[in-house]
Amino acid sequence: MSDTAASTILVVEDDRIVRMLIVDVLEELDYQVLEADGSDAALGFLKDEGNIIDLMMTDVGLPDMDGCELAAAARQVRPDLPILFASGYTESIDVPADMHVIGKPFSIDQLRDKVRAVLGH
């Protein structure tokens, strides 16, 4: 089993097509992926102690609760959870020092490298 196969990533993206593309890429890279179309679904995965989640990758621009609010809520449930924000507006978001960001659009290689870096692979 590779390092990546042991890692599960929760992908939170409200755009179905974008979410599908990200999930496909991550699965091709041998990650296990959980999909959430918004903050409510994501929090459901996070609150379920049966789910092992090694990284949450979230869009910043989510309806209802934005990605930054979701990250704060996620850290209430899982304080050590690595968080990777995806945003087309990286220069205008304030990311806490212990969280990460990748700019949209990103290439497969950029996503692979960023996820590996965040997970320490």
PDB file of N, CA and C in Angstrom:
ATOM      1  N   MET A   1       0.858  -1.181   0.000  1.00  0.00           N
ATOM      2  CA  MET A   1       0.000   0.000   0.000  1.00  0.00           C
ATOM      3  C   MET A   1       0.898   1.236   0.000  1.00  0.00           C
ATOM      4  N   SER A   2       0.652   2.166  -0.891  1.00  0.00           N
ATOM      5  CA  SER A   2       1.449   3.388  -0.969  1.00  0.00           C
ATOM      6  C   SER A   2       1.010   4.364   0.111  1.00  0.00           C
ATOM      7  N   ASP A   3       1.821   5.409   0.322  1.00  0.00           N
ATOM      8  CA  ASP A   3       1.456   6.437   1.291  1.00  0.00           C
ATOM      9  C   ASP A   3       0.112   7.052   0.945  1.00  0.00           C
ATOM     10  N   THR A   4      -0.107   7.301  -0.358  1.00  0.00           N
ATOM     11  CA  THR A   4      -1.335   7.962  -0.765  1.00  0.00           C
ATOM     12  C   THR A   4      -2.546   7.074  -0.549  1.00  0.00           C
ATOM     13  N   ALA A   5      -2.418   5.772  -0.741  1.00  0.00           N
ATOM     14  CA  ALA A   5      -3.560   4.875  -0.591  1.00  0.00           C
ATOM     15  C   ALA A   5      -4.066   4.864   0.847  1.00  0.00           C
ATOM     16  N   ALA A   6      -3.181   5.185   1.785  1.00  0.00           N
ATOM     17  CA  ALA A   6      -3.577   5.196   3.183  1.00  0.00           C
ATOM     18  C   ALA A   6      -4.271   6.503   3.574  1.00  0.00           C
ATOM     19  N   SER A   7      -4.300   7.476   2.670  1.00  0.00           N
ATOM     20  CA  SER A   7      -4.840   8.793   2.998  1.00  0.00           C
ATOM     21  C   SER A   7      -6.234   8.994   2.421  1.00  0.00           C
ATOM     22  N   THR A   8      -7.108   9.561   3.242  1.00  0.00           N
ATOM     23  CA  THR A   8      -8.468   9.886   2.811  1.00  0.00           C
ATOM     24  C   THR A   8      -8.631  11.394   2.816  1.00  0.00           C
ATOM     25  N   ILE A   9      -9.154  11.912   1.701  1.00  0.00           N
ATOM     26  CA  ILE A   9      -9.355  13.344   1.541  1.00  0.00           C
ATOM     27  C   ILE A   9     -10.844  13.632   1.414  1.00  0.00           C
ATOM     28  N   LEU A  10     -11.307  14.569   2.206  1.00  0.00           N
ATOM     29  CA  LEU A  10     -12.681  15.055   2.111  1.00  0.00           C
ATOM     30  C   LEU A  10     -12.661  16.266   1.174  1.00  0.00           C
ATOM     31  N   VAL A  11     -13.337  16.146   0.037  1.00  0.00           N
ATOM     32  CA  VAL A  11     -13.407  17.228  -0.947  1.00  0.00           C
ATOM     33  C   VAL A  11     -14.756  17.919  -0.802  1.00  0.00           C
ATOM     34  N   VAL A  12     -14.709  19.227  -0.525  1.00  0.00           N
ATOM     35  CA  VAL A  12     -15.928  20.012  -0.346  1.00  0.00           C
ATOM     36  C   VAL A  12     -15.987  21.048  -1.461  1.00  0.00           C
ATOM     37  N   GLU A  13     -16.927  20.858  -2.364  1.00  0.00           N
ATOM     38  CA  GLU A  13     -17.062  21.727  -3.547  1.00  0.00           C
ATOM     39  C   GLU A  13     -18.516  21.699  -3.976  1.00  0.00           C
ATOM     40  N   ASP A  14     -19.138  22.888  -4.088  1.00  0.00           N
ATOM     41  CA  ASP A  14     -20.550  22.922  -4.448  1.00  0.00           C
ATOM     42  C   ASP A  14     -20.799  22.782  -5.939  1.00  0.00           C
ATOM     43  N   ASP A  15     -19.796  23.041  -6.765  1.00  0.00           N
ATOM     44  CA  ASP A  15     -19.937  22.873  -8.212  1.00  0.00           C
ATOM     45  C   ASP A  15     -19.697  21.403  -8.552  1.00  0.00           C
ATOM     46  N   ARG A  16     -20.735  20.719  -8.991  1.00  0.00           N
ATOM     47  CA  ARG A  16     -20.667  19.267  -9.228  1.00  0.00           C
ATOM     48  C   ARG A  16     -19.571  18.886 -10.204  1.00  0.00           C
ATOM     49  N   ILE A  17     -19.413  19.636 -11.282  1.00  0.00           N
ATOM     50  CA  ILE A  17     -18.412  19.309 -12.302  1.00  0.00           C
ATOM     51  C   ILE A  17     -17.000  19.484 -11.742  1.00  0.00           C
ATOM     52  N   VAL A  18     -16.768  20.594 -11.067  1.00  0.00           N
ATOM     53  CA  VAL A  18     -15.444  20.840 -10.469  1.00  0.00           C
ATOM     54  C   VAL A  18     -15.135  19.763  -9.436  1.00  0.00           C
ATOM     55  N   ARG A  19     -16.127  19.435  -8.598  1.00  0.00           N
ATOM     56  CA  ARG A  19     -15.938  18.395  -7.582  1.00  0.00           C
ATOM     57  C   ARG A  19     -15.594  17.067  -8.236  1.00  0.00           C
ATOM     58  N   MET A  20     -16.313  16.725  -9.292  1.00  0.00           N
ATOM     59  CA  MET A  20     -16.073  15.465  -9.988  1.00  0.00           C
ATOM     60  C   MET A  20     -14.644  15.410 -10.543  1.00  0.00           C
ATOM     61  N   LEU A  21     -14.177  16.507 -11.122  1.00  0.00           N
ATOM     62  CA  LEU A  21     -12.822  16.540 -11.675  1.00  0.00           C
ATOM     63  C   LEU A  21     -11.765  16.383 -10.587  1.00  0.00           C
ATOM     64  N   ILE A  22     -11.942  17.090  -9.478  1.00  0.00           N
ATOM     65  CA  ILE A  22     -10.985  16.987  -8.370  1.00  0.00           C
ATOM     66  C   ILE A  22     -10.970  15.566  -7.821  1.00  0.00           C
ATOM     67  N   VAL A  23     -12.153  15.001  -7.614  1.00  0.00           N
ATOM     68  CA  VAL A  23     -12.256  13.636  -7.088  1.00  0.00           C
ATOM     69  C   VAL A  23     -11.583  12.645  -8.044  1.00  0.00           C
ATOM     70  N   ASP A  24     -11.847  12.783  -9.326  1.00  0.00           N
ATOM     71  CA  ASP A  24     -11.236  11.880 -10.309  1.00  0.00           C
ATOM     72  C   ASP A  24      -9.720  11.935 -10.255  1.00  0.00           C
ATOM     73  N   VAL A  25      -9.172  13.148 -10.182  1.00  0.00           N
ATOM     74  CA  VAL A  25      -7.716  13.301 -10.120  1.00  0.00           C
ATOM     75  C   VAL A  25      -7.164  12.665  -8.853  1.00  0.00           C
ATOM     76  N   LEU A  26      -7.779  12.954  -7.720  1.00  0.00           N
ATOM     77  CA  LEU A  26      -7.289  12.400  -6.461  1.00  0.00           C
ATOM     78  C   LEU A  26      -7.380  10.874  -6.433  1.00  0.00           C
ATOM     79  N   GLU A  27      -8.457  10.328  -6.982  1.00  0.00           N
ATOM     80  CA  GLU A  27      -8.576   8.869  -7.032  1.00  0.00           C
ATOM     81  C   GLU A  27      -7.522   8.266  -7.966  1.00  0.00           C
ATOM     82  N   GLU A  28      -7.229   8.941  -9.071  1.00  0.00           N
ATOM     83  CA  GLU A  28      -6.161   8.481  -9.972  1.00  0.00           C
ATOM     84  C   GLU A  28      -4.812   8.472  -9.255  1.00  0.00           C
ATOM     85  N   LEU A  29      -4.648   9.354  -8.283  1.00  0.00           N
ATOM     86  CA  LEU A  29      -3.417   9.427  -7.499  1.00  0.00           C
ATOM     87  C   LEU A  29      -3.441   8.465  -6.306  1.00  0.00           C
ATOM     88  N   ASP A  30      -4.441   7.600  -6.264  1.00  0.00           N
ATOM     89  CA  ASP A  30      -4.593   6.546  -5.255  1.00  0.00           C
ATOM     90  C   ASP A  30      -5.026   7.033  -3.873  1.00  0.00           C
ATOM     91  N   TYR A  31      -5.654   8.200  -3.805  1.00  0.00           N
ATOM     92  CA  TYR A  31      -6.237   8.640  -2.542  1.00  0.00           C
ATOM     93  C   TYR A  31      -7.657   8.097  -2.432  1.00  0.00           C
ATOM     94  N   GLN A  32      -8.096   7.887  -1.201  1.00  0.00           N
ATOM     95  CA  GLN A  32      -9.497   7.595  -0.934  1.00  0.00           C
ATOM     96  C   GLN A  32     -10.175   8.960  -0.822  1.00  0.00           C
ATOM     97  N   VAL A  33     -11.367   9.099  -1.371  1.00  0.00           N
ATOM     98  CA  VAL A  33     -12.012  10.408  -1.396  1.00  0.00           C
ATOM     99  C   VAL A  33     -13.446  10.323  -0.885  1.00  0.00           C
ATOM    100  N   LEU A  34     -13.793  11.279  -0.020  1.00  0.00           N
ATOM    101  CA  LEU A  34     -15.162  11.495   0.399  1.00  0.00           C
ATOM    102  C   LEU A  34     -15.603  12.800  -0.251  1.00  0.00           C
ATOM    103  N   GLU A  35     -16.825  12.838  -0.781  1.00  0.00           N
ATOM    104  CA  GLU A  35     -17.325  14.018  -1.487  1.00  0.00           C
ATOM    105  C   GLU A  35     -18.444  14.690  -0.713  1.00  0.00           C
ATOM    106  N   ALA A  36     -18.342  16.014  -0.604  1.00  0.00           N
ATOM    107  CA  ALA A  36     -19.406  16.798   0.020  1.00  0.00           C
ATOM    108  C   ALA A  36     -19.729  17.980  -0.884  1.00  0.00           C
ATOM    109  N   ASP A  37     -21.021  18.245  -1.075  1.00  0.00           N
ATOM    110  CA  ASP A  37     -21.425  19.343  -1.950  1.00  0.00           C
ATOM    111  C   ASP A  37     -21.602  20.658  -1.193  1.00  0.00           C
ATOM    112  N   GLY A  38     -21.320  20.649   0.098  1.00  0.00           N
ATOM    113  CA  GLY A  38     -21.433  21.862   0.896  1.00  0.00           C
ATOM    114  C   GLY A  38     -21.043  21.602   2.333  1.00  0.00           C
ATOM    115  N   SER A  39     -21.187  22.627   3.149  1.00  0.00           N
ATOM    116  CA  SER A  39     -20.728  22.552   4.531  1.00  0.00           C
ATOM    117  C   SER A  39     -21.517  21.557   5.380  1.00  0.00           C
ATOM    118  N   ASP A  40     -22.820  21.452   5.162  1.00  0.00           N
ATOM    119  CA  ASP A  40     -23.611  20.514   5.969  1.00  0.00           C
ATOM    120  C   ASP A  40     -23.153  19.077   5.752  1.00  0.00           C
ATOM    121  N   ALA A  41     -22.976  18.704   4.490  1.00  0.00           N
ATOM    122  CA  ALA A  41     -22.507  17.348   4.187  1.00  0.00           C
ATOM    123  C   ALA A  41     -21.095  17.125   4.729  1.00  0.00           C
ATOM    124  N   ALA A  42     -20.248  18.132   4.590  1.00  0.00           N
ATOM    125  CA  ALA A  42     -18.874  18.011   5.088  1.00  0.00           C
ATOM    126  C   ALA A  42     -18.856  17.803   6.599  1.00  0.00           C
ATOM    127  N   LEU A  43     -19.649  18.599   7.315  1.00  0.00           N
ATOM    128  CA  LEU A  43     -19.687  18.460   8.768  1.00  0.00           C
ATOM    129  C   LEU A  43     -20.248  17.101   9.181  1.00  0.00           C
ATOM    130  N   GLY A  44     -21.162  16.563   8.387  1.00  0.00           N
ATOM    131  CA  GLY A  44     -21.663  15.217   8.659  1.00  0.00           C
ATOM    132  C   GLY A  44     -20.544  14.182   8.595  1.00  0.00           C
ATOM    133  N   PHE A  45     -19.701  14.277   7.569  1.00  0.00           N
ATOM    134  CA  PHE A  45     -18.545  13.369   7.463  1.00  0.00           C
ATOM    135  C   PHE A  45     -17.588  13.581   8.638  1.00  0.00           C
ATOM    136  N   LEU A  46     -17.332  14.833   8.968  1.00  0.00           N
ATOM    137  CA  LEU A  46     -16.363  15.148  10.015  1.00  0.00           C
ATOM    138  C   LEU A  46     -16.837  14.699  11.395  1.00  0.00           C
ATOM    139  N   LYS A  47     -18.129  14.793  11.658  1.00  0.00           N
ATOM    140  CA  LYS A  47     -18.667  14.426  12.972  1.00  0.00           C
ATOM    141  C   LYS A  47     -18.798  12.917  13.146  1.00  0.00           C
ATOM    142  N   ASP A  48     -18.770  12.181  12.042  1.00  0.00           N
ATOM    143  CA  ASP A  48     -18.849  10.721  12.098  1.00  0.00           C
ATOM    144  C   ASP A  48     -17.467  10.177  12.456  1.00  0.00           C
ATOM    145  N   GLU A  49     -17.316   9.734  13.683  1.00  0.00           N
ATOM    146  CA  GLU A  49     -16.016   9.253  14.158  1.00  0.00           C
ATOM    147  C   GLU A  49     -15.525   8.026  13.412  1.00  0.00           C
ATOM    148  N   GLY A  50     -16.402   7.380  12.663  1.00  0.00           N
ATOM    149  CA  GLY A  50     -16.006   6.220  11.867  1.00  0.00           C
ATOM    150  C   GLY A  50     -15.243   6.601  10.604  1.00  0.00           C
ATOM    151  N   ASN A  51     -15.295   7.863  10.231  1.00  0.00           N
ATOM    152  CA  ASN A  51     -14.586   8.338   9.042  1.00  0.00           C
ATOM    153  C   ASN A  51     -13.180   8.797   9.403  1.00  0.00           C
ATOM    154  N   ILE A  52     -12.198   8.147   8.800  1.00  0.00           N
ATOM    155  CA  ILE A  52     -10.824   8.609   8.931  1.00  0.00           C
ATOM    156  C   ILE A  52     -10.618   9.627   7.819  1.00  0.00           C
ATOM    157  N   ILE A  53     -10.265  10.841   8.194  1.00  0.00           N
ATOM    158  CA  ILE A  53     -10.062  11.914   7.220  1.00  0.00           C
ATOM    159  C   ILE A  53      -8.694  12.523   7.488  1.00  0.00           C
ATOM    160  N   ASP A  54      -7.824  12.447   6.490  1.00  0.00           N
ATOM    161  CA  ASP A  54      -6.460  12.930   6.642  1.00  0.00           C
ATOM    162  C   ASP A  54      -6.285  14.367   6.159  1.00  0.00           C
ATOM    163  N   LEU A  55      -7.227  14.843   5.345  1.00  0.00           N
ATOM    164  CA  LEU A  55      -7.146  16.190   4.784  1.00  0.00           C
ATOM    165  C   LEU A  55      -8.535  16.608   4.325  1.00  0.00           C
ATOM    166  N   MET A  56      -8.885  17.868   4.581  1.00  0.00           N
ATOM    167  CA  MET A  56     -10.097  18.428   4.000  1.00  0.00           C
ATOM    168  C   MET A  56      -9.675  19.473   2.982  1.00  0.00           C
ATOM    169  N   MET A  57     -10.115  19.271   1.754  1.00  0.00           N
ATOM    170  CA  MET A  57      -9.888  20.252   0.694  1.00  0.00           C
ATOM    171  C   MET A  57     -11.220  20.914   0.418  1.00  0.00           C
ATOM    172  N   THR A  58     -11.289  22.224   0.625  1.00  0.00           N
ATOM    173  CA  THR A  58     -12.563  22.912   0.479  1.00  0.00           C
ATOM    174  C   THR A  58     -12.458  24.146  -0.403  1.00  0.00           C
ATOM    175  N   ASP A  59     -13.507  24.361  -1.171  1.00  0.00           N
ATOM    176  CA  ASP A  59     -13.652  25.595  -1.909  1.00  0.00           C
ATOM    177  C   ASP A  59     -13.883  26.699  -0.887  1.00  0.00           C
ATOM    178  N   VAL A  60     -13.413  27.895  -1.182  1.00  0.00           N
ATOM    179  CA  VAL A  60     -13.656  29.013  -0.276  1.00  0.00           C
ATOM    180  C   VAL A  60     -15.077  29.533  -0.457  1.00  0.00           C
ATOM    181  N   GLY A  61     -15.533  29.610  -1.704  1.00  0.00           N
ATOM    182  CA  GLY A  61     -16.839  30.196  -2.000  1.00  0.00           C
ATOM    183  C   GLY A  61     -17.975  29.198  -1.968  1.00  0.00           C
ATOM    184  N   LEU A  62     -18.327  28.746  -0.776  1.00  0.00           N
ATOM    185  CA  LEU A  62     -19.460  27.835  -0.613  1.00  0.00           C
ATOM    186  C   LEU A  62     -20.696  28.632  -0.202  1.00  0.00           C
ATOM    187  N   PRO A  63     -21.884  28.149  -0.576  1.00  0.00           N
ATOM    188  CA  PRO A  63     -23.109  28.812  -0.096  1.00  0.00           C
ATOM    189  C   PRO A  63     -23.309  28.517   1.391  1.00  0.00           C
ATOM    190  N   ASP A  64     -24.129  29.283   2.036  1.00  0.00           N
ATOM    191  CA  ASP A  64     -24.454  29.142   3.459  1.00  0.00           C
ATOM    192  C   ASP A  64     -23.249  29.459   4.338  1.00  0.00           C
ATOM    193  N   MET A  65     -22.365  28.517   4.508  1.00  0.00           N
ATOM    194  CA  MET A  65     -21.163  28.693   5.320  1.00  0.00           C
ATOM    195  C   MET A  65     -19.979  28.670   4.364  1.00  0.00           C
ATOM    196  N   ASP A  66     -19.166  29.739   4.320  1.00  0.00           N
ATOM    197  CA  ASP A  66     -18.045  29.730   3.378  1.00  0.00           C
ATOM    198  C   ASP A  66     -16.939  28.795   3.867  1.00  0.00           C
ATOM    199  N   GLY A  67     -15.948  28.579   3.029  1.00  0.00           N
ATOM    200  CA  GLY A  67     -14.887  27.635   3.345  1.00  0.00           C
ATOM    201  C   GLY A  67     -14.124  27.968   4.611  1.00  0.00           C
ATOM    202  N   CYS A  68     -13.924  29.256   4.873  1.00  0.00           N
ATOM    203  CA  CYS A  68     -13.211  29.663   6.092  1.00  0.00           C
ATOM    204  C   CYS A  68     -14.033  29.346   7.336  1.00  0.00           C
ATOM    205  N   GLU A  69     -15.339  29.580   7.263  1.00  0.00           N
ATOM    206  CA  GLU A  69     -16.220  29.238   8.386  1.00  0.00           C
ATOM    207  C   GLU A  69     -16.273  27.718   8.570  1.00  0.00           C
ATOM    208  N   LEU A  70     -16.312  27.001   7.453  1.00  0.00           N
ATOM    209  CA  LEU A  70     -16.305  25.539   7.516  1.00  0.00           C
ATOM    210  C   LEU A  70     -15.014  25.040   8.159  1.00  0.00           C
ATOM    211  N   ALA A  71     -13.885  25.633   7.785  1.00  0.00           N
ATOM    212  CA  ALA A  71     -12.602  25.228   8.364  1.00  0.00           C
ATOM    213  C   ALA A  71     -12.606  25.425   9.877  1.00  0.00           C
ATOM    214  N   ALA A  72     -13.145  26.545  10.340  1.00  0.00           N
ATOM    215  CA  ALA A  72     -13.228  26.805  11.777  1.00  0.00           C
ATOM    216  C   ALA A  72     -14.110  25.763  12.467  1.00  0.00           C
ATOM    217  N   ALA A  73     -15.241  25.439  11.848  1.00  0.00           N
ATOM    218  CA  ALA A  73     -16.142  24.421  12.412  1.00  0.00           C
ATOM    219  C   ALA A  73     -15.480  23.046  12.390  1.00  0.00           C
ATOM    220  N   ALA A  74     -14.751  22.751  11.317  1.00  0.00           N
ATOM    221  CA  ALA A  74     -14.060  21.464  11.203  1.00  0.00           C
ATOM    222  C   ALA A  74     -13.022  21.311  12.308  1.00  0.00           C
ATOM    223  N   ARG A  75     -12.319  22.384  12.591  1.00  0.00           N
ATOM    224  CA  ARG A  75     -11.279  22.340  13.619  1.00  0.00           C
ATOM    225  C   ARG A  75     -11.882  22.201  15.018  1.00  0.00           C
ATOM    226  N   GLN A  76     -13.154  22.564  15.195  1.00  0.00           N
ATOM    227  CA  GLN A  76     -13.825  22.331  16.476  1.00  0.00           C
ATOM    228  C   GLN A  76     -14.023  20.835  16.698  1.00  0.00           C
ATOM    229  N   VAL A  77     -14.289  20.124  15.598  1.00  0.00           N
ATOM    230  CA  VAL A  77     -14.540  18.689  15.658  1.00  0.00           C
ATOM    231  C   VAL A  77     -13.239  17.889  15.598  1.00  0.00           C
ATOM    232  N   ARG A  78     -12.333  18.328  14.718  1.00  0.00           N
ATOM    233  CA  ARG A  78     -11.047  17.643  14.508  1.00  0.00           C
ATOM    234  C   ARG A  78      -9.929  18.686  14.533  1.00  0.00           C
ATOM    235  N   PRO A  79      -9.427  18.994  15.714  1.00  0.00           N
ATOM    236  CA  PRO A  79      -8.487  20.108  15.880  1.00  0.00           C
ATOM    237  C   PRO A  79      -7.203  20.020  15.051  1.00  0.00           C
ATOM    238  N   ASP A  80      -6.747  18.818  14.730  1.00  0.00           N
ATOM    239  CA  ASP A  80      -5.481  18.665  14.010  1.00  0.00           C
ATOM    240  C   ASP A  80      -5.658  18.411  12.518  1.00  0.00           C
ATOM    241  N   LEU A  81      -6.873  18.552  12.013  1.00  0.00           N
ATOM    242  CA  LEU A  81      -7.151  18.237  10.610  1.00  0.00           C
ATOM    243  C   LEU A  81      -6.435  19.215   9.679  1.00  0.00           C
ATOM    244  N   PRO A  82      -5.601  18.710   8.769  1.00  0.00           N
ATOM    245  CA  PRO A  82      -5.016  19.588   7.755  1.00  0.00           C
ATOM    246  C   PRO A  82      -6.114  20.093   6.812  1.00  0.00           C
ATOM    247  N   ILE A  83      -6.024  21.369   6.453  1.00  0.00           N
ATOM    248  CA  ILE A  83      -7.039  21.981   5.601  1.00  0.00           C
ATOM    249  C   ILE A  83      -6.369  22.665   4.429  1.00  0.00           C
ATOM    250  N   LEU A  84      -6.901  22.379   3.237  1.00  0.00           N
ATOM    251  CA  LEU A  84      -6.417  22.972   1.987  1.00  0.00           C
ATOM    252  C   LEU A  84      -7.580  23.704   1.335  1.00  0.00           C
ATOM    253  N   PHE A  85      -7.428  25.022   1.197  1.00  0.00           N
ATOM    254  CA  PHE A  85      -8.437  25.821   0.522  1.00  0.00           C
ATOM    255  C   PHE A  85      -8.131  25.866  -0.970  1.00  0.00           C
ATOM    256  N   ALA A  86      -9.177  25.818  -1.783  1.00  0.00           N
ATOM    257  CA  ALA A  86      -9.049  26.026  -3.225  1.00  0.00           C
ATOM    258  C   ALA A  86      -9.825  27.297  -3.554  1.00  0.00           C
ATOM    259  N   SER A  87      -9.148  28.232  -4.238  1.00  0.00           N
ATOM    260  CA  SER A  87      -9.809  29.496  -4.527  1.00  0.00           C
ATOM    261  C   SER A  87      -9.251  30.131  -5.792  1.00  0.00           C
ATOM    262  N   GLY A  88     -10.133  30.754  -6.531  1.00  0.00           N
ATOM    263  CA  GLY A  88      -9.713  31.535  -7.678  1.00  0.00           C
ATOM    264  C   GLY A  88      -9.241  32.911  -7.273  1.00  0.00           C
ATOM    265  N   TYR A  89      -9.354  33.223  -5.993  1.00  0.00           N
ATOM    266  CA  TYR A  89      -9.004  34.546  -5.478  1.00  0.00           C
ATOM    267  C   TYR A  89      -8.033  34.420  -4.316  1.00  0.00           C
ATOM    268  N   THR A  90      -6.918  33.735  -4.544  1.00  0.00           N
ATOM    269  CA  THR A  90      -5.981  33.450  -3.458  1.00  0.00           C
ATOM    270  C   THR A  90      -5.407  34.698  -2.818  1.00  0.00           C
ATOM    271  N   GLU A  91      -5.292  35.773  -3.591  1.00  0.00           N
ATOM    272  CA  GLU A  91      -4.704  36.991  -3.030  1.00  0.00           C
ATOM    273  C   GLU A  91      -5.650  37.712  -2.065  1.00  0.00           C
ATOM    274  N   SER A  92      -6.937  37.372  -2.101  1.00  0.00           N
ATOM    275  CA  SER A  92      -7.892  38.094  -1.265  1.00  0.00           C
ATOM    276  C   SER A  92      -8.417  37.284  -0.077  1.00  0.00           C
ATOM    277  N   ILE A  93      -7.876  36.081   0.133  1.00  0.00           N
ATOM    278  CA  ILE A  93      -8.325  35.322   1.297  1.00  0.00           C
ATOM    279  C   ILE A  93      -7.229  35.303   2.352  1.00  0.00           C
ATOM    280  N   ASP A  94      -7.646  35.358   3.590  1.00  0.00           N
ATOM    281  CA  ASP A  94      -6.730  35.350   4.718  1.00  0.00           C
ATOM    282  C   ASP A  94      -6.713  33.937   5.282  1.00  0.00           C
ATOM    283  N   VAL A  95      -5.640  33.207   4.983  1.00  0.00           N
ATOM    284  CA  VAL A  95      -5.538  31.809   5.393  1.00  0.00           C
ATOM    285  C   VAL A  95      -4.715  31.722   6.673  1.00  0.00           C
ATOM    286  N   PRO A  96      -5.252  31.081   7.717  1.00  0.00           N
ATOM    287  CA  PRO A  96      -4.478  30.909   8.944  1.00  0.00           C
ATOM    288  C   PRO A  96      -3.140  30.215   8.653  1.00  0.00           C
ATOM    289  N   ALA A  97      -2.148  30.498   9.459  1.00  0.00           N
ATOM    290  CA  ALA A  97      -0.789  30.010   9.227  1.00  0.00           C
ATOM    291  C   ALA A  97      -0.700  28.492   9.134  1.00  0.00           C
ATOM    292  N   ASP A  98      -1.583  27.775   9.816  1.00  0.00           N
ATOM    293  CA  ASP A  98      -1.504  26.314   9.802  1.00  0.00           C
ATOM    294  C   ASP A  98      -2.433  25.680   8.759  1.00  0.00           C
ATOM    295  N   MET A  99      -2.942  26.489   7.843  1.00  0.00           N
ATOM    296  CA  MET A  99      -3.778  25.987   6.744  1.00  0.00           C
ATOM    297  C   MET A  99      -3.112  26.350   5.425  1.00  0.00           C
ATOM    298  N   HIS A 100      -3.582  25.744   4.353  1.00  0.00           N
ATOM    299  CA  HIS A 100      -2.922  25.865   3.056  1.00  0.00           C
ATOM    300  C   HIS A 100      -3.914  26.317   1.991  1.00  0.00           C
ATOM    301  N   VAL A 101      -3.377  26.806   0.864  1.00  0.00           N
ATOM    302  CA  VAL A 101      -4.237  27.264  -0.220  1.00  0.00           C
ATOM    303  C   VAL A 101      -3.624  26.866  -1.554  1.00  0.00           C
ATOM    304  N   ILE A 102      -4.500  26.551  -2.504  1.00  0.00           N
ATOM    305  CA  ILE A 102      -4.101  26.307  -3.883  1.00  0.00           C
ATOM    306  C   ILE A 102      -5.017  27.168  -4.757  1.00  0.00           C
ATOM    307  N   GLY A 103      -4.433  27.842  -5.719  1.00  0.00           N
ATOM    308  CA  GLY A 103      -5.189  28.729  -6.589  1.00  0.00           C
ATOM    309  C   GLY A 103      -5.866  27.984  -7.725  1.00  0.00           C
ATOM    310  N   LYS A 104      -7.108  28.348  -7.967  1.00  0.00           N
ATOM    311  CA  LYS A 104      -7.847  27.812  -9.117  1.00  0.00           C
ATOM    312  C   LYS A 104      -7.623  28.745 -10.293  1.00  0.00           C
ATOM    313  N   PRO A 105      -7.498  28.262 -11.483  1.00  0.00           N
ATOM    314  CA  PRO A 105      -7.426  26.837 -11.818  1.00  0.00           C
ATOM    315  C   PRO A 105      -6.043  26.283 -11.490  1.00  0.00           C
ATOM    316  N   PHE A 106      -5.992  24.992 -11.214  1.00  0.00           N
ATOM    317  CA  PHE A 106      -4.715  24.346 -10.936  1.00  0.00           C
ATOM    318  C   PHE A 106      -4.579  23.127 -11.832  1.00  0.00           C
ATOM    319  N   SER A 107      -3.336  22.765 -12.101  1.00  0.00           N
ATOM    320  CA  SER A 107      -3.066  21.596 -12.934  1.00  0.00           C
ATOM    321  C   SER A 107      -3.091  20.339 -12.065  1.00  0.00           C
ATOM    322  N   ILE A 108      -3.132  19.213 -12.714  1.00  0.00           N
ATOM    323  CA  ILE A 108      -3.071  17.925 -12.001  1.00  0.00           C
ATOM    324  C   ILE A 108      -1.782  17.855 -11.193  1.00  0.00           C
ATOM    325  N   ASP A 109      -0.671  18.267 -11.807  1.00  0.00           N
ATOM    326  CA  ASP A 109       0.619  18.228 -11.112  1.00  0.00           C
ATOM    327  C   ASP A 109       0.637  19.154  -9.908  1.00  0.00           C
ATOM    328  N   GLN A 110       0.054  20.346 -10.047  1.00  0.00           N
ATOM    329  CA  GLN A 110       0.007  21.280  -8.917  1.00  0.00           C
ATOM    330  C   GLN A 110      -0.818  20.701  -7.772  1.00  0.00           C
ATOM    331  N   LEU A 111      -1.963  20.097  -8.104  1.00  0.00           N
ATOM    332  CA  LEU A 111      -2.802  19.492  -7.077  1.00  0.00           C
ATOM    333  C   LEU A 111      -2.056  18.351  -6.402  1.00  0.00           C
ATOM    334  N   ARG A 112      -1.456  17.473  -7.180  1.00  0.00           N
ATOM    335  CA  ARG A 112      -0.696  16.343  -6.629  1.00  0.00           C
ATOM    336  C   ARG A 112       0.400  16.834  -5.681  1.00  0.00           C
ATOM    337  N   ASP A 113       1.176  17.811  -6.143  1.00  0.00           N
ATOM    338  CA  ASP A 113       2.295  18.300  -5.334  1.00  0.00           C
ATOM    339  C   ASP A 113       1.820  18.979  -4.051  1.00  0.00           C
ATOM    340  N   LYS A 114       0.751  19.753  -4.148  1.00  0.00           N
ATOM    341  CA  LYS A 114       0.235  20.467  -2.972  1.00  0.00           C
ATOM    342  C   LYS A 114      -0.312  19.480  -1.945  1.00  0.00           C
ATOM    343  N   VAL A 115      -1.093  18.508  -2.401  1.00  0.00           N
ATOM    344  CA  VAL A 115      -1.662  17.517  -1.483  1.00  0.00           C
ATOM    345  C   VAL A 115      -0.555  16.711  -0.814  1.00  0.00           C
ATOM    346  N   ARG A 116       0.420  16.286  -1.596  1.00  0.00           N
ATOM    347  CA  ARG A 116       1.548  15.533  -1.012  1.00  0.00           C
ATOM    348  C   ARG A 116       2.289  16.374   0.027  1.00  0.00           C
ATOM    349  N   ALA A 117       2.504  17.652  -0.279  1.00  0.00           N
ATOM    350  CA  ALA A 117       3.200  18.534   0.661  1.00  0.00           C
ATOM    351  C   ALA A 117       2.424  18.697   1.966  1.00  0.00           C
ATOM    352  N   VAL A 118       1.112  18.914   1.839  1.00  0.00           N
ATOM    353  CA  VAL A 118       0.283  19.105   3.025  1.00  0.00           C
ATOM    354  C   VAL A 118       0.260  17.827   3.884  1.00  0.00           C
ATOM    355  N   LEU A 119       0.190  16.680   3.220  1.00  0.00           N
ATOM    356  CA  LEU A 119       0.132  15.412   3.937  1.00  0.00           C
ATOM    357  C   LEU A 119       1.515  14.911   4.381  1.00  0.00           C
ATOM    358  N   GLY A 120       2.570  15.571   3.889  1.00  0.00           N
ATOM    359  CA  GLY A 120       3.917  15.168   4.268  1.00  0.00           C
ATOM    360  C   GLY A 120       4.426  13.935   3.550  1.00  0.00           C
ATOM    361  N   HIS A 121       3.905  13.705   2.324  1.00  0.00           N
ATOM    362  CA  HIS A 121       4.350  12.531   1.534  1.00  0.00           C
ATOM    363  C   HIS A 121       5.484  12.916   0.621  1.00  0.00           C
TER     364      HIS A 121
END
